[in-house]
N, C-alpha and C. Protein backbone atom coordinates (compact mmCIF):
# COMPACT_ATOMS: atom_id res chain seq x y z
N HIS A 1 0.11 16.67 -1.08
CA HIS A 1 1.13 15.99 -0.29
C HIS A 1 2.36 16.88 -0.23
N GLU A 2 2.84 17.19 0.97
CA GLU A 2 3.87 18.22 1.12
C GLU A 2 5.19 17.91 0.44
N THR A 3 5.46 16.64 0.16
CA THR A 3 6.75 16.31 -0.46
C THR A 3 6.73 16.39 -1.99
N ILE A 4 5.57 16.54 -2.59
CA ILE A 4 5.52 16.58 -4.06
C ILE A 4 4.78 17.79 -4.61
N MET A 5 4.05 18.56 -3.78
CA MET A 5 3.28 19.67 -4.32
C MET A 5 4.10 20.96 -4.29
N ALA A 6 3.82 21.82 -5.27
CA ALA A 6 4.55 23.09 -5.36
C ALA A 6 4.01 24.12 -4.37
N GLY A 7 2.70 24.11 -4.18
CA GLY A 7 2.08 25.09 -3.31
C GLY A 7 2.09 24.68 -1.85
N ALA A 8 1.79 25.62 -0.99
CA ALA A 8 1.69 25.36 0.44
C ALA A 8 0.68 26.32 1.04
N GLY A 9 0.23 26.01 2.25
CA GLY A 9 -0.65 26.93 2.96
C GLY A 9 -1.93 27.24 2.20
N LYS A 10 -2.25 28.52 2.10
CA LYS A 10 -3.50 28.95 1.47
C LYS A 10 -3.57 28.56 -0.01
N ARG A 11 -2.42 28.54 -0.69
CA ARG A 11 -2.43 28.16 -2.11
C ARG A 11 -2.80 26.69 -2.28
N ALA A 12 -2.26 25.85 -1.44
CA ALA A 12 -2.58 24.43 -1.52
C ALA A 12 -4.04 24.19 -1.15
N GLU A 13 -4.49 24.84 -0.07
CA GLU A 13 -5.88 24.68 0.34
C GLU A 13 -6.82 25.22 -0.74
N GLY A 14 -6.40 26.30 -1.39
CA GLY A 14 -7.22 26.88 -2.45
C GLY A 14 -7.34 25.96 -3.65
N ALA A 15 -6.24 25.26 -3.98
CA ALA A 15 -6.27 24.31 -5.09
C ALA A 15 -7.23 23.17 -4.79
N LEU A 16 -7.18 22.67 -3.56
CA LEU A 16 -8.08 21.60 -3.16
C LEU A 16 -9.53 22.07 -3.25
N ARG A 17 -9.80 23.27 -2.74
CA ARG A 17 -11.17 23.79 -2.76
C ARG A 17 -11.67 23.96 -4.20
N ARG A 18 -10.80 24.46 -5.09
CA ARG A 18 -11.21 24.65 -6.48
C ARG A 18 -11.57 23.32 -7.13
N VAL A 19 -10.75 22.28 -6.91
CA VAL A 19 -11.01 20.98 -7.50
C VAL A 19 -12.34 20.41 -6.99
N LEU A 20 -12.57 20.54 -5.69
CA LEU A 20 -13.80 20.00 -5.12
C LEU A 20 -15.03 20.70 -5.68
N GLU A 21 -14.92 22.00 -5.95
CA GLU A 21 -16.07 22.77 -6.41
C GLU A 21 -16.27 22.68 -7.92
N GLU A 22 -15.16 22.60 -8.68
CA GLU A 22 -15.26 22.69 -10.13
C GLU A 22 -15.05 21.36 -10.86
N GLU A 23 -14.45 20.38 -10.18
CA GLU A 23 -14.10 19.13 -10.85
C GLU A 23 -14.72 17.90 -10.19
N THR A 24 -15.84 18.06 -9.54
CA THR A 24 -16.49 16.94 -8.89
C THR A 24 -16.71 15.78 -9.85
N GLY A 25 -16.26 14.60 -9.45
CA GLY A 25 -16.42 13.42 -10.29
C GLY A 25 -15.41 13.31 -11.41
N ARG A 26 -14.43 14.22 -11.45
CA ARG A 26 -13.46 14.21 -12.56
C ARG A 26 -12.00 14.22 -12.05
N PHE A 27 -11.80 13.81 -10.81
CA PHE A 27 -10.44 13.74 -10.29
C PHE A 27 -10.25 12.43 -9.53
N VAL A 28 -9.01 12.03 -9.38
CA VAL A 28 -8.66 10.83 -8.63
C VAL A 28 -8.10 11.26 -7.28
N ALA A 29 -8.64 10.72 -6.20
CA ALA A 29 -8.15 11.01 -4.86
C ALA A 29 -7.20 9.90 -4.44
N VAL A 30 -5.98 10.27 -4.08
CA VAL A 30 -5.01 9.31 -3.58
C VAL A 30 -4.75 9.64 -2.12
N VAL A 31 -5.03 8.67 -1.25
CA VAL A 31 -4.89 8.88 0.19
C VAL A 31 -3.69 8.10 0.71
N GLU A 32 -2.82 8.78 1.44
CA GLU A 32 -1.65 8.14 2.05
C GLU A 32 -1.75 8.33 3.56
N GLY A 33 -1.63 7.25 4.29
CA GLY A 33 -1.68 7.34 5.75
C GLY A 33 -3.01 6.88 6.32
N ALA A 34 -2.96 6.42 7.57
CA ALA A 34 -4.16 5.98 8.27
C ALA A 34 -5.00 7.18 8.70
N ILE A 35 -6.26 6.92 8.99
CA ILE A 35 -7.20 7.98 9.40
C ILE A 35 -7.61 7.74 10.85
N PRO A 36 -7.08 8.52 11.82
CA PRO A 36 -7.51 8.37 13.21
C PRO A 36 -8.97 8.78 13.37
N THR A 37 -9.72 8.02 14.15
CA THR A 37 -11.14 8.34 14.36
C THR A 37 -11.47 8.64 15.82
N ALA A 38 -10.57 8.33 16.75
CA ALA A 38 -10.84 8.60 18.17
C ALA A 38 -10.91 10.11 18.41
N ASP A 39 -11.76 10.49 19.36
CA ASP A 39 -11.89 11.90 19.76
C ASP A 39 -12.17 12.80 18.56
N GLY A 40 -13.01 12.33 17.66
CA GLY A 40 -13.38 13.14 16.51
C GLY A 40 -12.30 13.25 15.46
N GLY A 41 -11.25 12.42 15.57
CA GLY A 41 -10.17 12.43 14.59
C GLY A 41 -9.08 13.45 14.87
N ILE A 42 -9.06 14.03 16.06
CA ILE A 42 -8.14 15.13 16.38
C ILE A 42 -6.67 14.73 16.35
N HIS A 43 -6.38 13.44 16.33
CA HIS A 43 -4.98 12.99 16.38
C HIS A 43 -4.23 13.16 15.06
N CYS A 44 -4.92 13.59 14.01
CA CYS A 44 -4.25 13.94 12.75
C CYS A 44 -5.00 15.12 12.15
N THR A 45 -4.35 16.28 12.11
CA THR A 45 -4.98 17.47 11.54
C THR A 45 -4.09 18.06 10.46
N ILE A 46 -4.73 18.61 9.44
CA ILE A 46 -4.03 19.23 8.31
C ILE A 46 -4.72 20.57 8.04
N GLY A 47 -3.97 21.65 8.18
CA GLY A 47 -4.56 22.97 7.94
C GLY A 47 -5.71 23.27 8.88
N GLY A 48 -5.64 22.73 10.09
CA GLY A 48 -6.68 22.99 11.08
C GLY A 48 -7.89 22.09 10.99
N ARG A 49 -7.87 21.15 10.05
CA ARG A 49 -8.98 20.21 9.90
C ARG A 49 -8.48 18.80 10.15
N THR A 50 -9.36 17.94 10.63
CA THR A 50 -8.95 16.56 10.85
C THR A 50 -8.87 15.81 9.53
N ALA A 51 -7.98 14.82 9.47
CA ALA A 51 -7.89 13.99 8.27
C ALA A 51 -9.22 13.29 8.01
N LEU A 52 -9.90 12.92 9.08
CA LEU A 52 -11.20 12.26 8.96
C LEU A 52 -12.19 13.15 8.23
N ASP A 53 -12.23 14.42 8.61
CA ASP A 53 -13.14 15.37 7.98
C ASP A 53 -12.78 15.57 6.51
N ILE A 54 -11.48 15.64 6.23
CA ILE A 54 -11.04 15.90 4.85
C ILE A 54 -11.40 14.74 3.92
N VAL A 55 -11.09 13.50 4.33
CA VAL A 55 -11.37 12.37 3.43
C VAL A 55 -12.87 12.18 3.25
N ARG A 56 -13.65 12.49 4.27
CA ARG A 56 -15.10 12.35 4.13
C ARG A 56 -15.69 13.40 3.21
N GLU A 57 -14.99 14.50 3.02
CA GLU A 57 -15.44 15.50 2.06
C GLU A 57 -14.90 15.22 0.66
N VAL A 58 -13.63 14.83 0.57
CA VAL A 58 -12.97 14.70 -0.73
C VAL A 58 -13.34 13.41 -1.46
N CYS A 59 -13.22 12.28 -0.78
CA CYS A 59 -13.35 10.99 -1.47
C CYS A 59 -14.70 10.74 -2.12
N PRO A 60 -15.82 11.11 -1.50
CA PRO A 60 -17.11 10.88 -2.17
C PRO A 60 -17.27 11.69 -3.46
N LYS A 61 -16.48 12.75 -3.62
CA LYS A 61 -16.58 13.59 -4.81
C LYS A 61 -15.62 13.16 -5.90
N ALA A 62 -14.76 12.20 -5.62
CA ALA A 62 -13.75 11.76 -6.58
C ALA A 62 -14.32 10.75 -7.57
N ALA A 63 -13.73 10.70 -8.76
CA ALA A 63 -14.10 9.68 -9.74
C ALA A 63 -13.61 8.32 -9.27
N ALA A 64 -12.50 8.33 -8.56
CA ALA A 64 -11.92 7.10 -8.03
C ALA A 64 -11.06 7.45 -6.82
N THR A 65 -10.99 6.52 -5.87
CA THR A 65 -10.16 6.73 -4.67
C THR A 65 -9.16 5.59 -4.57
N ILE A 66 -7.91 5.95 -4.34
CA ILE A 66 -6.84 4.98 -4.18
C ILE A 66 -6.25 5.12 -2.79
N ALA A 67 -6.21 4.00 -2.05
CA ALA A 67 -5.55 3.97 -0.73
C ALA A 67 -4.13 3.49 -0.97
N MET A 68 -3.16 4.37 -0.79
CA MET A 68 -1.78 4.06 -1.13
C MET A 68 -0.99 3.67 0.11
N GLY A 69 -0.62 2.39 0.18
CA GLY A 69 0.17 1.89 1.30
C GLY A 69 -0.68 1.20 2.36
N ALA A 70 -0.01 0.47 3.24
CA ALA A 70 -0.70 -0.32 4.27
C ALA A 70 -1.56 0.54 5.18
N CYS A 71 -1.08 1.70 5.58
CA CYS A 71 -1.83 2.52 6.53
C CYS A 71 -3.15 3.02 5.95
N ALA A 72 -3.11 3.46 4.69
CA ALA A 72 -4.34 3.94 4.05
C ALA A 72 -5.29 2.79 3.75
N TRP A 73 -4.75 1.59 3.58
CA TRP A 73 -5.58 0.43 3.29
C TRP A 73 -6.34 -0.05 4.53
N ASP A 74 -5.62 -0.42 5.59
CA ASP A 74 -6.29 -1.01 6.75
C ASP A 74 -5.82 -0.45 8.10
N GLY A 75 -5.16 0.69 8.07
CA GLY A 75 -4.66 1.28 9.32
C GLY A 75 -3.19 1.08 9.54
N GLY A 76 -2.63 0.02 8.93
CA GLY A 76 -1.20 -0.22 9.00
C GLY A 76 -0.64 -0.29 10.42
N PHE A 77 0.55 0.25 10.59
CA PHE A 77 1.24 0.19 11.88
C PHE A 77 0.46 0.92 12.96
N VAL A 78 -0.03 2.12 12.66
CA VAL A 78 -0.75 2.89 13.69
C VAL A 78 -2.12 2.30 13.98
N GLY A 79 -2.64 1.49 13.06
CA GLY A 79 -3.93 0.86 13.28
C GLY A 79 -3.84 -0.52 13.90
N ALA A 80 -2.59 -0.98 14.16
CA ALA A 80 -2.40 -2.29 14.79
C ALA A 80 -2.77 -2.21 16.26
N ASP A 81 -3.12 -3.34 16.85
CA ASP A 81 -3.47 -3.37 18.27
C ASP A 81 -2.30 -2.87 19.11
N PRO A 82 -2.55 -2.03 20.13
CA PRO A 82 -3.86 -1.70 20.70
C PRO A 82 -4.58 -0.51 20.06
N ASN A 83 -3.97 0.19 19.11
CA ASN A 83 -4.62 1.24 18.31
C ASN A 83 -5.32 2.30 19.16
N PRO A 84 -4.58 3.07 19.97
CA PRO A 84 -5.19 4.07 20.85
C PRO A 84 -5.91 5.20 20.13
N THR A 85 -5.51 5.52 18.87
CA THR A 85 -6.18 6.60 18.15
C THR A 85 -7.33 6.07 17.29
N ARG A 86 -7.58 4.75 17.36
CA ARG A 86 -8.60 4.09 16.55
C ARG A 86 -8.43 4.45 15.07
N ALA A 87 -7.21 4.32 14.59
CA ALA A 87 -6.89 4.61 13.20
C ALA A 87 -7.41 3.51 12.29
N VAL A 88 -7.95 3.89 11.15
CA VAL A 88 -8.51 2.95 10.19
C VAL A 88 -8.05 3.32 8.78
N GLY A 89 -8.34 2.44 7.84
CA GLY A 89 -8.06 2.72 6.44
C GLY A 89 -9.19 3.53 5.82
N VAL A 90 -9.01 3.90 4.57
CA VAL A 90 -9.97 4.76 3.88
C VAL A 90 -11.36 4.12 3.79
N LYS A 91 -11.39 2.83 3.45
CA LYS A 91 -12.70 2.18 3.25
C LYS A 91 -13.54 2.15 4.52
N ASP A 92 -12.87 2.17 5.69
CA ASP A 92 -13.61 2.20 6.96
C ASP A 92 -13.90 3.62 7.41
N ALA A 93 -13.07 4.57 6.99
CA ALA A 93 -13.30 5.97 7.35
C ALA A 93 -14.42 6.58 6.51
N VAL A 94 -14.52 6.11 5.26
CA VAL A 94 -15.55 6.62 4.35
C VAL A 94 -16.31 5.42 3.77
N PRO A 95 -17.21 4.82 4.53
CA PRO A 95 -17.92 3.62 4.07
C PRO A 95 -18.76 3.89 2.83
N GLY A 96 -18.82 2.87 1.97
CA GLY A 96 -19.71 2.94 0.83
C GLY A 96 -19.10 3.43 -0.47
N ILE A 97 -17.87 3.93 -0.43
CA ILE A 97 -17.25 4.39 -1.67
C ILE A 97 -16.33 3.29 -2.21
N PRO A 98 -16.19 3.19 -3.54
CA PRO A 98 -15.25 2.21 -4.09
C PRO A 98 -13.81 2.66 -3.88
N VAL A 99 -12.99 1.77 -3.37
CA VAL A 99 -11.59 2.09 -3.08
C VAL A 99 -10.69 1.01 -3.67
N VAL A 100 -9.61 1.43 -4.33
CA VAL A 100 -8.58 0.50 -4.78
C VAL A 100 -7.47 0.54 -3.75
N ASN A 101 -7.14 -0.62 -3.19
CA ASN A 101 -6.13 -0.70 -2.15
C ASN A 101 -4.77 -1.08 -2.74
N MET A 102 -3.82 -0.16 -2.64
CA MET A 102 -2.46 -0.43 -3.07
C MET A 102 -1.65 -0.79 -1.84
N GLY A 103 -1.66 -2.08 -1.50
CA GLY A 103 -0.98 -2.53 -0.29
C GLY A 103 0.52 -2.34 -0.37
N GLY A 104 1.17 -2.64 0.73
CA GLY A 104 2.62 -2.52 0.79
C GLY A 104 3.04 -1.49 1.82
N CYS A 105 4.18 -1.70 2.40
CA CYS A 105 4.70 -0.77 3.40
C CYS A 105 6.17 -0.49 3.08
N PRO A 106 6.40 0.43 2.10
CA PRO A 106 5.44 1.28 1.40
C PRO A 106 4.87 0.61 0.14
N ALA A 107 3.91 1.29 -0.49
CA ALA A 107 3.40 0.82 -1.77
C ALA A 107 4.50 0.97 -2.81
N ASN A 108 4.46 0.10 -3.81
CA ASN A 108 5.48 0.15 -4.86
C ASN A 108 5.11 1.20 -5.90
N ALA A 109 6.04 2.12 -6.17
CA ALA A 109 5.79 3.23 -7.10
C ALA A 109 5.49 2.75 -8.51
N VAL A 110 6.11 1.64 -8.93
CA VAL A 110 5.86 1.11 -10.27
C VAL A 110 4.41 0.64 -10.39
N ASN A 111 3.91 -0.02 -9.38
CA ASN A 111 2.52 -0.47 -9.39
C ASN A 111 1.56 0.72 -9.38
N MET A 112 1.92 1.76 -8.63
CA MET A 112 1.08 2.94 -8.58
C MET A 112 0.99 3.60 -9.95
N ALA A 113 2.13 3.72 -10.63
CA ALA A 113 2.14 4.30 -11.97
C ALA A 113 1.33 3.45 -12.94
N ALA A 114 1.43 2.13 -12.81
CA ALA A 114 0.67 1.22 -13.67
C ALA A 114 -0.83 1.38 -13.44
N LEU A 115 -1.22 1.52 -12.18
CA LEU A 115 -2.64 1.70 -11.84
C LEU A 115 -3.19 2.98 -12.46
N LEU A 116 -2.47 4.08 -12.30
CA LEU A 116 -2.94 5.36 -12.85
C LEU A 116 -2.96 5.33 -14.37
N THR A 117 -1.96 4.69 -14.97
CA THR A 117 -1.91 4.58 -16.44
C THR A 117 -3.10 3.79 -16.96
N HIS A 118 -3.45 2.70 -16.27
CA HIS A 118 -4.61 1.90 -16.67
C HIS A 118 -5.88 2.74 -16.61
N TYR A 119 -6.02 3.51 -15.52
CA TYR A 119 -7.23 4.33 -15.38
C TYR A 119 -7.30 5.40 -16.48
N LEU A 120 -6.18 6.04 -16.78
CA LEU A 120 -6.16 7.08 -17.82
C LEU A 120 -6.44 6.49 -19.20
N ALA A 121 -5.96 5.27 -19.44
CA ALA A 121 -6.12 4.65 -20.75
C ALA A 121 -7.52 4.09 -20.98
N PHE A 122 -8.10 3.50 -19.94
CA PHE A 122 -9.38 2.79 -20.11
C PHE A 122 -10.57 3.44 -19.39
N GLY A 123 -10.30 4.45 -18.56
CA GLY A 123 -11.39 5.13 -17.87
C GLY A 123 -12.00 4.33 -16.75
N ARG A 124 -11.31 3.31 -16.30
CA ARG A 124 -11.79 2.48 -15.20
C ARG A 124 -10.59 1.83 -14.51
N MET A 125 -10.82 1.38 -13.30
CA MET A 125 -9.76 0.69 -12.56
C MET A 125 -9.62 -0.75 -13.06
N PRO A 126 -8.46 -1.36 -12.89
CA PRO A 126 -8.26 -2.75 -13.34
C PRO A 126 -9.01 -3.73 -12.45
N ALA A 127 -8.99 -4.99 -12.83
CA ALA A 127 -9.64 -6.03 -12.02
C ALA A 127 -8.98 -6.11 -10.65
N LEU A 128 -9.80 -6.33 -9.63
CA LEU A 128 -9.32 -6.35 -8.24
C LEU A 128 -9.55 -7.72 -7.61
N ASP A 129 -8.78 -8.02 -6.57
CA ASP A 129 -9.01 -9.26 -5.82
C ASP A 129 -10.00 -9.01 -4.69
N SER A 130 -10.20 -9.98 -3.82
CA SER A 130 -11.20 -9.87 -2.76
C SER A 130 -10.87 -8.80 -1.73
N PHE A 131 -9.61 -8.34 -1.70
CA PHE A 131 -9.20 -7.28 -0.79
C PHE A 131 -9.17 -5.91 -1.47
N GLY A 132 -9.65 -5.84 -2.69
CA GLY A 132 -9.66 -4.57 -3.41
C GLY A 132 -8.30 -4.17 -3.95
N ARG A 133 -7.39 -5.14 -4.11
CA ARG A 133 -6.06 -4.87 -4.65
C ARG A 133 -6.02 -5.25 -6.13
N PRO A 134 -5.27 -4.54 -6.95
CA PRO A 134 -5.22 -4.87 -8.38
C PRO A 134 -4.58 -6.24 -8.63
N LEU A 135 -5.26 -7.03 -9.43
CA LEU A 135 -4.79 -8.38 -9.70
C LEU A 135 -3.45 -8.40 -10.44
N PHE A 136 -3.15 -7.35 -11.20
CA PHE A 136 -1.88 -7.37 -11.92
C PHE A 136 -0.69 -7.41 -10.96
N ALA A 137 -0.91 -6.99 -9.72
CA ALA A 137 0.17 -7.01 -8.73
C ALA A 137 0.01 -8.12 -7.71
N HIS A 138 -1.19 -8.69 -7.59
CA HIS A 138 -1.46 -9.63 -6.50
C HIS A 138 -2.03 -10.97 -6.94
N ALA A 139 -1.90 -11.33 -8.21
CA ALA A 139 -2.48 -12.57 -8.68
C ALA A 139 -1.63 -13.80 -8.36
N SER A 140 -0.34 -13.60 -8.09
CA SER A 140 0.57 -14.73 -7.89
C SER A 140 1.27 -14.68 -6.54
N LEU A 141 1.55 -15.86 -6.00
CA LEU A 141 2.32 -15.94 -4.76
C LEU A 141 3.75 -15.46 -4.99
N ILE A 142 4.29 -14.77 -4.01
CA ILE A 142 5.69 -14.36 -4.07
C ILE A 142 6.57 -15.59 -4.23
N HIS A 143 6.22 -16.66 -3.54
CA HIS A 143 6.98 -17.91 -3.56
C HIS A 143 7.16 -18.45 -4.99
N ASP A 144 6.12 -18.30 -5.82
CA ASP A 144 6.17 -18.84 -7.18
C ASP A 144 7.00 -17.97 -8.14
N GLN A 145 7.35 -16.77 -7.71
CA GLN A 145 8.13 -15.86 -8.55
C GLN A 145 9.56 -15.67 -8.03
N CYS A 146 9.85 -16.26 -6.88
CA CYS A 146 11.10 -15.99 -6.16
C CYS A 146 12.31 -16.66 -6.82
N GLU A 147 13.42 -15.93 -6.89
CA GLU A 147 14.64 -16.50 -7.47
C GLU A 147 15.26 -17.57 -6.58
N ARG A 148 14.80 -17.68 -5.32
CA ARG A 148 15.30 -18.73 -4.42
C ARG A 148 14.42 -19.98 -4.44
N ARG A 149 13.40 -20.01 -5.30
CA ARG A 149 12.46 -21.11 -5.32
C ARG A 149 13.15 -22.44 -5.60
N ALA A 150 14.15 -22.45 -6.47
CA ALA A 150 14.85 -23.70 -6.79
C ALA A 150 15.51 -24.30 -5.55
N HIS A 151 15.99 -23.45 -4.65
CA HIS A 151 16.59 -23.94 -3.41
C HIS A 151 15.52 -24.56 -2.50
N PHE A 152 14.33 -23.97 -2.50
CA PHE A 152 13.21 -24.53 -1.73
C PHE A 152 12.89 -25.93 -2.25
N ASP A 153 12.75 -26.06 -3.56
CA ASP A 153 12.40 -27.35 -4.16
C ASP A 153 13.48 -28.41 -3.90
N ALA A 154 14.73 -27.94 -3.79
CA ALA A 154 15.83 -28.88 -3.57
C ALA A 154 16.10 -29.14 -2.09
N GLY A 155 15.32 -28.48 -1.22
CA GLY A 155 15.49 -28.68 0.22
C GLY A 155 16.70 -27.95 0.81
N ARG A 156 17.14 -26.88 0.16
CA ARG A 156 18.27 -26.11 0.67
C ARG A 156 17.76 -24.86 1.37
N PHE A 157 17.86 -24.86 2.72
CA PHE A 157 17.30 -23.77 3.51
C PHE A 157 18.36 -23.10 4.39
N VAL A 158 18.20 -21.80 4.58
CA VAL A 158 19.03 -21.08 5.55
C VAL A 158 18.57 -21.52 6.94
N GLY A 159 19.52 -21.90 7.80
CA GLY A 159 19.16 -22.34 9.15
C GLY A 159 19.50 -21.33 10.22
N LYS A 160 20.35 -20.35 9.86
CA LYS A 160 20.80 -19.34 10.81
C LYS A 160 21.32 -18.15 10.02
N TRP A 161 20.99 -16.96 10.49
CA TRP A 161 21.49 -15.77 9.80
C TRP A 161 23.01 -15.80 9.73
N GLY A 162 23.55 -15.63 8.54
CA GLY A 162 24.99 -15.61 8.35
C GLY A 162 25.64 -16.96 8.13
N ASP A 163 24.83 -18.04 8.09
CA ASP A 163 25.45 -19.35 7.86
C ASP A 163 25.82 -19.51 6.39
N ALA A 164 26.38 -20.67 6.05
CA ALA A 164 26.85 -20.91 4.68
C ALA A 164 25.71 -20.83 3.67
N GLY A 165 24.54 -21.36 4.05
CA GLY A 165 23.39 -21.32 3.16
C GLY A 165 22.93 -19.89 2.90
N HIS A 166 23.00 -19.06 3.94
CA HIS A 166 22.62 -17.66 3.79
C HIS A 166 23.56 -16.97 2.80
N ALA A 167 24.83 -17.26 2.91
CA ALA A 167 25.83 -16.67 2.02
C ALA A 167 25.64 -17.13 0.57
N LYS A 168 25.10 -18.35 0.40
CA LYS A 168 24.90 -18.90 -0.94
C LYS A 168 23.54 -18.55 -1.55
N GLY A 169 22.70 -17.86 -0.79
CA GLY A 169 21.40 -17.46 -1.32
C GLY A 169 20.34 -18.53 -1.26
N TRP A 170 20.41 -19.43 -0.26
CA TRP A 170 19.42 -20.49 -0.14
C TRP A 170 18.08 -19.93 0.33
N CYS A 171 17.08 -20.78 0.34
CA CYS A 171 15.71 -20.39 0.68
C CYS A 171 15.61 -19.94 2.14
N LEU A 172 14.79 -18.90 2.36
CA LEU A 172 14.64 -18.30 3.69
C LEU A 172 13.37 -18.74 4.40
N TYR A 173 12.71 -19.77 3.89
CA TYR A 173 11.43 -20.20 4.46
C TYR A 173 11.53 -20.52 5.95
N ARG A 174 12.58 -21.24 6.35
CA ARG A 174 12.72 -21.63 7.76
C ARG A 174 13.13 -20.46 8.65
N MET A 175 13.44 -19.33 8.04
CA MET A 175 13.74 -18.12 8.81
C MET A 175 12.52 -17.24 8.93
N GLY A 176 11.36 -17.76 8.53
CA GLY A 176 10.11 -17.02 8.70
C GLY A 176 9.61 -16.31 7.46
N CYS A 177 10.19 -16.58 6.30
CA CYS A 177 9.75 -15.92 5.07
C CYS A 177 8.28 -16.24 4.79
N LYS A 178 7.49 -15.19 4.49
CA LYS A 178 6.06 -15.36 4.23
C LYS A 178 5.73 -15.51 2.74
N GLY A 179 6.78 -15.67 1.91
CA GLY A 179 6.56 -15.79 0.48
C GLY A 179 5.55 -16.84 0.06
N PRO A 180 5.48 -18.02 0.73
CA PRO A 180 4.53 -19.04 0.31
C PRO A 180 3.06 -18.69 0.57
N VAL A 181 2.78 -17.65 1.35
CA VAL A 181 1.39 -17.30 1.63
C VAL A 181 1.04 -15.88 1.19
N ALA A 182 2.02 -15.09 0.74
CA ALA A 182 1.78 -13.70 0.37
C ALA A 182 1.72 -13.54 -1.15
N THR A 183 0.79 -12.71 -1.61
CA THR A 183 0.69 -12.43 -3.04
C THR A 183 1.15 -11.00 -3.31
N TYR A 184 2.11 -10.87 -4.22
CA TYR A 184 2.62 -9.55 -4.62
C TYR A 184 3.61 -9.79 -5.75
N ASN A 185 3.96 -8.72 -6.47
CA ASN A 185 4.88 -8.87 -7.60
C ASN A 185 6.28 -8.35 -7.28
N CYS A 186 6.63 -8.31 -6.01
CA CYS A 186 7.97 -7.87 -5.58
C CYS A 186 9.11 -8.53 -6.36
N PRO A 187 9.09 -9.85 -6.56
CA PRO A 187 10.22 -10.50 -7.21
C PRO A 187 10.44 -10.05 -8.66
N THR A 188 9.39 -9.57 -9.33
CA THR A 188 9.53 -9.17 -10.72
C THR A 188 9.65 -7.66 -10.89
N VAL A 189 8.88 -6.90 -10.13
CA VAL A 189 8.94 -5.44 -10.23
C VAL A 189 10.12 -4.89 -9.43
N ARG A 190 10.36 -5.50 -8.28
CA ARG A 190 11.44 -5.09 -7.37
C ARG A 190 11.28 -3.63 -6.94
N TRP A 191 12.39 -3.04 -6.46
CA TRP A 191 12.35 -1.67 -5.91
C TRP A 191 13.55 -0.88 -6.42
N ASN A 192 13.44 0.45 -6.34
CA ASN A 192 14.53 1.35 -6.73
C ASN A 192 15.03 1.03 -8.14
N ASP A 193 14.12 1.20 -9.12
CA ASP A 193 14.45 0.91 -10.52
C ASP A 193 14.92 -0.53 -10.71
N GLN A 194 14.22 -1.45 -10.06
CA GLN A 194 14.48 -2.89 -10.16
C GLN A 194 15.85 -3.29 -9.62
N THR A 195 16.40 -2.50 -8.73
CA THR A 195 17.71 -2.82 -8.16
C THR A 195 17.67 -4.12 -7.35
N SER A 196 16.67 -4.24 -6.46
CA SER A 196 16.62 -5.40 -5.58
C SER A 196 15.26 -5.50 -4.92
N TRP A 197 15.11 -6.46 -4.04
CA TRP A 197 13.91 -6.59 -3.20
C TRP A 197 14.34 -7.33 -1.94
N PRO A 198 13.52 -7.35 -0.87
CA PRO A 198 13.98 -7.87 0.41
C PRO A 198 14.61 -9.25 0.38
N VAL A 199 14.00 -10.21 -0.33
CA VAL A 199 14.53 -11.57 -0.34
C VAL A 199 15.88 -11.63 -1.06
N LYS A 200 16.02 -10.90 -2.15
CA LYS A 200 17.31 -10.85 -2.84
C LYS A 200 18.37 -10.26 -1.91
N GLY A 201 17.95 -9.31 -1.04
CA GLY A 201 18.87 -8.68 -0.10
C GLY A 201 19.20 -9.55 1.10
N GLY A 202 18.57 -10.74 1.21
CA GLY A 202 18.91 -11.67 2.27
C GLY A 202 17.95 -11.73 3.43
N HIS A 203 16.78 -11.07 3.32
CA HIS A 203 15.79 -11.11 4.41
C HIS A 203 14.49 -11.69 3.89
N GLY A 204 13.84 -12.50 4.68
CA GLY A 204 12.58 -13.10 4.28
C GLY A 204 11.48 -12.08 4.08
N CYS A 205 10.51 -12.44 3.24
CA CYS A 205 9.33 -11.60 3.03
C CYS A 205 8.54 -11.50 4.33
N ILE A 206 8.06 -10.28 4.66
CA ILE A 206 7.22 -10.09 5.86
C ILE A 206 5.75 -9.89 5.48
N ALA A 207 5.42 -10.12 4.20
CA ALA A 207 4.05 -10.00 3.70
C ALA A 207 3.49 -8.61 3.91
N CYS A 208 4.28 -7.59 3.59
CA CYS A 208 3.87 -6.21 3.86
C CYS A 208 2.71 -5.75 3.00
N ALA A 209 2.36 -6.50 1.96
CA ALA A 209 1.22 -6.12 1.12
C ALA A 209 0.00 -6.97 1.44
N SER A 210 0.03 -7.65 2.59
CA SER A 210 -1.09 -8.49 3.01
C SER A 210 -1.94 -7.76 4.05
N HIS A 211 -3.20 -8.18 4.17
CA HIS A 211 -4.14 -7.51 5.05
C HIS A 211 -3.70 -7.60 6.52
N ARG A 212 -3.63 -6.46 7.19
CA ARG A 212 -3.30 -6.33 8.61
C ARG A 212 -2.01 -7.11 8.97
N PHE A 213 -1.00 -6.96 8.13
CA PHE A 213 0.23 -7.73 8.36
C PHE A 213 0.94 -7.31 9.64
N TRP A 214 0.74 -6.06 10.08
CA TRP A 214 1.40 -5.65 11.34
C TRP A 214 0.88 -6.46 12.52
N ASP A 215 -0.42 -6.71 12.57
CA ASP A 215 -0.97 -7.55 13.65
C ASP A 215 -0.57 -8.99 13.47
């Protein structure tokens, strides 16, 4: 990944080739981004090769594959209708391989670190839900963990952006918050070293860690 790797060009490609040849079955593949499949996958190329070709070579040789973020999981924004590039997630681009889906747009870095730590400690991925997401992050409704839940129970709802209830931190359900139907640990893990999360910042949950939430 160009934002975190030291090498570039031939050195980066060489590192990938060495791992594939010498470490088959002993590395974890983390995929970020959707995989275009239209026109042979030409709409996304890396080092002269299509992303489709790369994941189909790399992922079957990995000990485990992680789809990081909404796009790698189910196509995300670029895979939403009308989807002209026919972009898909990893599990559809490389059928038959086990994939752990780290939903979210973007995926939460704390959850990613927890997933990798679990794999390193126990040699296997944690328990998953029906969508292939780790249960430690998706076992509970956002609504049940939300700091605004008491306002929901008391019938105190924001009726308009910027109204008195909004200023007082009342429940955002009537403004379209998806917390009652979305499962994720946003309210407890939060973002940016636990600084905040969307609902605390005054905006309803958009269920970004749910299947095909863009559509």
